[in-house]
Amino acid sequence: MKKLFSILMIFGLLFSASVGAQATKESSATATNTAQKRVVIVHGYGGDSQSHWFVWLKNELEKQGVRVQVPNMPDSFNPTPKAWLATLRKTIGAIDENTFIVAHSLGCISVLRYIEGLDAHQNLGGVVLVGGFYEPLSILPKLDPFVKEPLQGAKLAKMIKKRVVLSAKDDKVVPTNLSQNLAKAIDAEFIQLPSGWHFMEEEVGKELPIVLDLLKKQMGLQD
């Protein structure tokens, strides 16, 4: 009986060690995978890297071990496509399936213009486009140069693996139908909230959990 008990004890210890080693291995693999992820957050017209919910989102992603970049786009109250594309080219550089982009308002079409200009064989992990558009805004005609050229929707849909457009029904800056048109153009999931306006700090505060949730889903991150 004692011999049997000893054998069972040894077996139990070996099993526990095996399970522990496997768990450690899986945890290490997850950490390595997370460390490879990169998120670029691109603000819109009149904004900067500290605006709205960008700082909060950056901090939350970094807690997950994700590398985050939040560039200050040049002259955001008098933006030009050339200057914004140059900044995105410098910030984003080459893309891959571990690269994800969150963009707000004017940042959305700017990001899409940048991706359009890349080789069609490159792939991006995903985009979350908040209050985005690709058509003229009656309220901001100075942004027309960004939407002058037709959008290469089919190319973008092939290059960007996961695509979500987020809008609010009461958005007075970018009417929700324009965001819906953008979603259709790039074959993206369209999420329309009943309220949220243009997702600016004075409207939704400094946190926007739905964007974090959408990003984590795209990246395959679990709580």
Protein backbone atom coordinates (compact mmCIF):
# COMPACT_ATOMS: atom_id res chain seq x y z
CA MET A 1 0.00 0.00 0.00
CA LYS A 2 2.83 2.40 0.92
CA LYS A 3 4.56 1.57 -2.35
CA LEU A 4 1.37 2.32 -4.32
CA PHE A 5 0.91 5.58 -2.42
CA SER A 6 4.49 6.61 -3.23
CA ILE A 7 3.99 5.84 -6.92
CA LEU A 8 0.80 7.90 -6.98
CA MET A 9 2.55 10.79 -5.25
CA ILE A 10 5.39 10.76 -7.78
CA PHE A 11 2.91 10.60 -10.66
CA GLY A 12 1.00 13.54 -9.20
CA LEU A 13 4.13 15.64 -8.85
CA LEU A 14 5.21 14.87 -12.41
CA PHE A 15 1.75 15.75 -13.73
CA SER A 16 1.70 19.05 -11.82
CA ALA A 17 5.14 19.94 -13.12
CA SER A 18 4.07 19.15 -16.67
CA VAL A 19 0.92 21.28 -16.40
CA GLY A 20 2.86 24.13 -14.83
CA ALA A 21 5.49 24.04 -17.56
CA GLN A 22 2.80 24.06 -20.24
CA ALA A 23 1.02 27.01 -18.61
CA THR A 24 4.30 28.92 -18.37
CA LYS A 25 5.03 28.15 -22.00
CA GLU A 26 1.58 29.36 -23.10
CA SER A 27 1.86 32.49 -20.97
CA SER A 28 5.27 33.25 -22.45
CA ALA A 29 3.96 32.70 -25.98
CA THR A 30 1.04 35.06 -25.32
CA ALA A 31 3.36 37.73 -23.94
CA THR A 32 5.64 37.40 -26.96
CA ASN A 33 2.69 37.63 -29.32
CA THR A 34 1.36 40.73 -27.55
CA ALA A 35 4.76 42.39 -27.67
CA GLN A 36 4.72 42.07 -31.46
CA LYS A 37 1.47 44.03 -31.76
CA ARG A 38 1.64 47.69 -32.70
CA VAL A 39 -1.16 50.25 -32.64
CA VAL A 40 -1.02 53.68 -34.25
CA ILE A 41 -3.62 56.22 -33.08
CA VAL A 42 -4.26 59.06 -35.54
CA HIS A 43 -6.19 62.15 -34.46
CA GLY A 44 -8.37 64.33 -36.66
CA TYR A 45 -8.94 67.96 -37.58
CA GLY A 46 -8.04 70.37 -34.80
CA GLY A 47 -6.76 67.60 -32.54
CA ASP A 48 -3.44 66.35 -31.26
CA SER A 49 -1.98 63.34 -29.45
CA GLN A 50 -3.41 64.50 -26.11
CA SER A 51 -6.97 65.09 -27.32
CA HIS A 52 -10.18 63.28 -26.46
CA TRP A 53 -9.66 59.61 -25.42
CA PHE A 54 -6.29 59.02 -27.08
CA VAL A 55 -4.14 59.17 -23.94
CA TRP A 56 -6.45 56.77 -22.10
CA LEU A 57 -6.47 54.33 -25.02
CA LYS A 58 -2.68 54.44 -25.29
CA ASN A 59 -2.29 53.71 -21.58
CA GLU A 60 -4.78 50.82 -21.67
CA LEU A 61 -3.06 49.21 -24.64
CA GLU A 62 0.38 49.58 -23.08
CA LYS A 63 -0.89 47.75 -20.01
CA GLN A 64 -1.50 44.83 -22.39
CA GLY A 65 2.09 45.01 -23.61
CA VAL A 66 1.17 46.58 -26.94
CA ARG A 67 3.48 49.14 -28.55
CA VAL A 68 1.57 52.37 -29.26
CA GLN A 69 2.37 55.41 -31.38
CA VAL A 70 0.31 58.62 -31.33
CA PRO A 71 1.76 61.17 -33.75
CA ASN A 72 0.94 64.86 -33.68
CA MET A 73 -0.33 65.56 -37.18
CA PRO A 74 0.97 68.86 -38.61
CA ASP A 75 -1.05 72.09 -38.50
CA SER A 76 -4.26 70.28 -37.58
CA PHE A 77 -6.45 73.38 -38.00
CA ASN A 78 -5.11 73.94 -41.52
CA PRO A 79 -4.23 70.42 -42.64
CA THR A 80 -2.98 69.41 -46.08
CA PRO A 81 -2.94 65.88 -47.51
CA LYS A 82 0.74 66.19 -48.44
CA ALA A 83 1.88 67.10 -44.92
CA TRP A 84 -0.34 64.53 -43.24
CA LEU A 85 0.74 61.73 -45.57
CA ALA A 86 4.38 62.60 -44.95
CA THR A 87 3.83 62.29 -41.19
CA LEU A 88 2.01 58.98 -41.56
CA ARG A 89 4.75 57.67 -43.82
CA LYS A 90 7.34 58.56 -41.20
CA THR A 91 5.29 57.21 -38.27
CA ILE A 92 3.71 54.07 -39.66
CA GLY A 93 6.28 53.02 -42.22
CA ALA A 94 5.88 49.42 -43.37
CA ILE A 95 2.72 47.61 -42.31
CA ASP A 96 2.07 43.97 -41.45
CA GLU A 97 -0.60 41.83 -39.83
CA ASN A 98 0.61 42.85 -36.36
CA THR A 99 -0.02 46.53 -37.12
CA PHE A 100 -3.39 48.04 -36.19
CA ILE A 101 -4.62 51.60 -36.63
CA VAL A 102 -7.24 53.61 -34.77
CA ALA A 103 -8.20 56.85 -36.48
CA HIS A 104 -10.64 59.62 -35.64
CA SER A 105 -12.47 61.91 -38.07
CA LEU A 106 -10.01 63.36 -40.62
CA GLY A 107 -7.47 60.81 -39.43
CA CYS A 108 -9.59 58.07 -41.02
CA ILE A 109 -9.38 59.21 -44.64
CA SER A 110 -5.75 60.21 -44.10
CA VAL A 111 -4.87 56.70 -42.97
CA LEU A 112 -6.77 55.15 -45.86
CA ARG A 113 -4.98 57.42 -48.34
CA TYR A 114 -1.66 56.29 -46.88
CA ILE A 115 -2.56 52.61 -47.18
CA GLU A 116 -3.82 53.16 -50.75
CA GLY A 117 -0.35 54.31 -51.72
CA LEU A 118 1.34 51.14 -50.48
CA ASP A 119 2.04 48.01 -52.46
CA ALA A 120 -1.13 45.93 -52.75
CA HIS A 121 0.68 42.85 -51.43
CA GLN A 122 1.17 44.43 -48.00
CA ASN A 123 -1.39 43.61 -45.33
CA LEU A 124 -2.57 45.49 -42.24
CA GLY A 125 -3.93 43.69 -39.19
CA GLY A 126 -6.93 45.97 -38.79
CA VAL A 127 -8.43 49.43 -38.52
CA VAL A 128 -11.00 51.00 -36.22
CA LEU A 129 -12.28 54.16 -37.88
CA VAL A 130 -14.19 56.49 -35.57
CA GLY A 131 -16.44 59.13 -37.12
CA GLY A 132 -14.79 58.63 -40.49
CA PHE A 133 -15.75 59.83 -43.96
CA TYR A 134 -14.50 59.87 -47.56
CA GLU A 135 -16.92 62.41 -49.03
CA PRO A 136 -17.08 66.22 -48.68
CA LEU A 137 -18.28 67.66 -45.38
CA SER A 138 -20.56 70.66 -45.80
CA ILE A 139 -19.47 71.93 -42.39
CA LEU A 140 -15.74 71.80 -43.26
CA PRO A 141 -15.11 72.52 -46.96
CA LYS A 142 -11.43 73.16 -46.21
CA LEU A 143 -11.05 69.37 -45.93
CA ASP A 144 -12.19 68.78 -49.53
CA PRO A 145 -8.61 68.16 -50.79
CA PHE A 146 -8.53 65.00 -48.65
CA VAL A 147 -11.57 63.55 -50.44
CA LYS A 148 -10.95 64.87 -53.94
CA GLU A 149 -9.72 61.56 -55.38
CA PRO A 150 -11.94 58.43 -55.55
CA LEU A 151 -11.38 55.96 -52.74
CA GLN A 152 -9.83 52.64 -53.77
CA GLY A 153 -12.24 50.66 -51.65
CA ALA A 154 -11.64 47.23 -53.17
CA LYS A 155 -7.87 47.55 -52.75
CA LEU A 156 -8.24 48.69 -49.14
CA ALA A 157 -10.62 45.84 -48.32
CA LYS A 158 -8.04 43.33 -49.56
CA MET A 159 -5.10 44.94 -47.78
CA ILE A 160 -6.76 45.52 -44.39
CA LYS A 161 -7.58 42.25 -42.68
CA LYS A 162 -10.16 43.53 -40.14
CA ARG A 163 -12.18 46.68 -40.66
CA VAL A 164 -14.65 48.48 -38.39
CA VAL A 165 -16.29 51.88 -38.76
CA LEU A 166 -17.82 53.38 -35.61
CA SER A 167 -20.41 56.16 -35.79
CA ALA A 168 -23.06 57.83 -33.66
CA LYS A 169 -26.57 58.58 -34.83
CA ASP A 170 -26.36 62.13 -33.47
CA ASP A 171 -23.00 63.08 -35.05
CA LYS A 172 -23.37 66.67 -36.32
CA VAL A 173 -19.84 66.95 -37.73
CA VAL A 174 -19.75 63.78 -39.83
CA PRO A 175 -23.35 62.71 -40.47
CA THR A 176 -23.72 59.01 -39.70
CA ASN A 177 -24.74 58.20 -43.28
CA LEU A 178 -21.32 59.37 -44.46
CA SER A 179 -19.62 56.99 -42.04
CA GLN A 180 -21.92 54.24 -43.25
CA ASN A 181 -20.92 55.03 -46.83
CA LEU A 182 -17.28 54.67 -45.81
CA ALA A 183 -17.99 51.28 -44.25
CA LYS A 184 -19.66 50.11 -47.46
CA ALA A 185 -16.81 51.42 -49.60
CA ILE A 186 -14.20 49.31 -47.78
CA ASP A 187 -16.54 46.44 -46.89
CA ALA A 188 -16.19 47.12 -43.16
CA GLU A 189 -18.39 46.27 -40.20
CA PHE A 190 -20.51 49.32 -39.40
CA ILE A 191 -21.40 50.04 -35.78
CA GLN A 192 -23.84 52.87 -35.14
CA LEU A 193 -24.34 53.99 -31.55
CA PRO A 194 -27.58 55.79 -30.59
CA SER A 195 -25.53 58.62 -29.10
CA GLY A 196 -21.93 59.78 -28.93
CA TRP A 197 -21.92 62.76 -31.28
CA HIS A 198 -18.46 63.05 -32.87
CA PHE A 199 -16.71 61.17 -30.06
CA MET A 200 -14.86 64.22 -28.77
CA GLU A 201 -13.83 64.75 -25.16
CA GLU A 202 -16.60 67.25 -24.44
CA GLU A 203 -19.12 64.71 -25.74
CA VAL A 204 -17.92 61.31 -24.50
CA GLY A 205 -15.24 62.19 -21.95
CA LYS A 206 -11.65 60.96 -21.88
CA GLU A 207 -12.46 57.25 -22.21
CA LEU A 208 -14.05 55.30 -25.05
CA PRO A 209 -14.19 51.63 -23.98
CA ILE A 210 -15.88 50.41 -27.16
CA VAL A 211 -12.79 51.30 -29.20
CA LEU A 212 -10.55 49.39 -26.80
CA ASP A 213 -12.87 46.39 -26.96
CA LEU A 214 -12.95 46.45 -30.76
CA LEU A 215 -9.16 46.67 -30.94
CA LYS A 216 -8.63 43.85 -28.47
CA LYS A 217 -11.00 41.70 -30.49
CA GLN A 218 -9.09 42.44 -33.68
CA MET A 219 -5.77 41.65 -32.00
CA GLY A 220 -7.06 38.51 -30.32
CA LEU A 221 -6.32 39.81 -26.82
CA GLN A 222 -8.28 38.45 -23.87
CA ASP A 223 -8.89 40.09 -20.47
